[in-house]
Each structure stands twice: as structure tokens, then as C-alpha cells.
Amino acid sequence: MTDWQITAKTIFCEAVDDEVTVLVHKNGTAHCTGCSKYDQPNDITRTLVKEKTRKLKRAIQCEGEECPRVTGYKNQIQTEK
């Protein structure tokens, strides 16, 4: 049995071209800080997304909580139990 309540890992997310933190809770739920920042952006983040989109010449869009980065880390943690 594991003795942790939550674990986190900061990664570079290519979908949003930024570092995000993936959190996995002991109960198996997982979420990403990028989802809350990029899924429903405030005015400042919206401006940042527009600038990144122009600079990279591609759309900056969060893939949601079921993105391969989140599920990959969640699966990795669950197999380590």
C-alpha cells in the first residue's frame, strides 16, 4: 500500500507550448494545471495564447484531462504501486 496522498510531475506540454504540472491523487484521479489555465483562459492567458499561436504558426489548444501526457503519468504511477 502506498503512503502518499498526491503526487505531481512538471512536464513540457507541446499542445500548449508551456510547462504544466500533472497531479495524480491516491484515489486514481488525475488532472493537469494546464487544463485550468488554457481550457478557459482569462484575458491575460488569451493574449498569451494569441501571441504563441502567431509565433509558432499553429493552434495552441489544451487536449483536456484525457490527453496522453496526463493518462501516461497516471498509468505510470499506478503501475508503481
Protein backbone atom coordinates (compact mmCIF):
# COMPACT_ATOMS: atom_id res chain seq x y z
CA MET A 1 0.00 0.00 0.00
CA THR A 2 1.29 3.44 -0.86
CA ASP A 3 1.69 6.11 1.79
CA TRP A 4 1.19 9.18 -0.40
CA GLN A 5 -1.90 11.32 -0.87
CA ILE A 6 -0.95 13.12 -4.08
CA THR A 7 1.98 13.10 -6.48
CA ALA A 8 2.90 15.67 -9.09
CA LYS A 9 5.23 16.00 -12.05
CA THR A 10 6.03 19.11 -14.07
CA ILE A 11 6.41 18.45 -17.79
CA PHE A 12 6.62 20.45 -21.00
CA CYS A 13 3.32 20.19 -22.85
CA GLU A 14 3.69 20.54 -26.61
CA ALA A 15 -0.04 21.13 -27.05
CA VAL A 16 0.09 24.44 -25.15
CA ASP A 17 3.84 25.12 -25.55
CA ASP A 18 4.28 25.57 -21.80
CA GLU A 19 5.28 23.74 -18.65
CA VAL A 20 2.35 22.20 -16.78
CA THR A 21 2.03 20.11 -13.65
CA VAL A 22 0.24 16.77 -13.77
CA LEU A 23 -1.27 15.74 -10.43
CA VAL A 24 -2.37 12.23 -9.50
CA HIS A 25 -4.37 11.64 -6.34
CA LYS A 26 -4.29 8.44 -4.30
CA ASN A 27 -7.85 7.63 -5.39
CA GLY A 28 -6.67 7.47 -9.03
CA THR A 29 -7.99 10.79 -10.29
CA ALA A 30 -5.60 12.94 -12.28
CA HIS A 31 -5.59 16.47 -13.60
CA CYS A 32 -3.30 18.97 -15.23
CA THR A 33 -2.71 22.61 -14.30
CA GLY A 34 -2.62 23.46 -18.00
CA CYS A 35 -6.25 22.46 -18.41
CA SER A 36 -7.48 25.07 -15.98
CA LYS A 37 -5.17 27.69 -17.47
CA TYR A 38 -5.71 27.01 -21.18
CA ASP A 39 -9.18 25.43 -21.34
CA GLN A 40 -10.97 28.52 -20.02
CA PRO A 41 -8.36 31.27 -20.31
CA ASN A 42 -8.68 34.67 -18.69
CA ASP A 43 -7.83 37.84 -20.65
CA ILE A 44 -4.10 37.65 -19.90
CA THR A 45 -3.82 33.98 -20.90
CA ARG A 46 -5.94 34.60 -24.00
CA THR A 47 -3.43 37.26 -25.13
CA LEU A 48 -0.55 34.86 -24.42
CA VAL A 49 -2.23 32.13 -26.48
CA LYS A 50 -2.72 34.50 -29.43
CA GLU A 51 0.96 35.52 -29.30
CA LYS A 52 2.13 31.89 -29.11
CA THR A 53 -0.18 30.94 -31.98
CA ARG A 54 1.33 33.64 -34.20
CA LYS A 55 4.88 32.79 -33.15
CA LEU A 56 4.54 29.01 -33.61
CA LYS A 57 2.22 29.26 -36.63
CA ARG A 58 -0.05 26.58 -35.18
CA ALA A 59 -3.00 26.45 -32.84
CA ILE A 60 -2.35 26.34 -29.11
CA GLN A 61 -5.05 24.16 -27.61
CA CYS A 62 -5.25 22.05 -24.47
CA GLU A 63 -6.16 18.44 -25.14
CA GLY A 64 -8.14 18.16 -21.91
CA GLU A 65 -7.85 15.86 -18.92
CA GLU A 66 -7.68 12.76 -21.13
CA CYS A 67 -4.57 13.86 -23.02
CA PRO A 68 -1.80 11.28 -23.39
CA ARG A 69 0.52 13.18 -21.03
CA VAL A 70 -1.95 13.03 -18.13
CA THR A 71 -3.04 9.45 -18.71
CA GLY A 72 0.56 8.35 -19.29
CA TYR A 73 1.75 9.73 -15.97
CA LYS A 74 -1.33 8.38 -14.19
CA ASN A 75 -0.70 4.90 -15.61
CA GLN A 76 3.00 5.11 -14.68
CA ILE A 77 2.15 5.96 -11.06
CA GLN A 78 -0.49 3.24 -10.84
CA THR A 79 1.91 0.57 -12.10
CA GLU A 80 4.50 1.66 -9.49
CA LYS A 81 2.04 0.97 -6.67
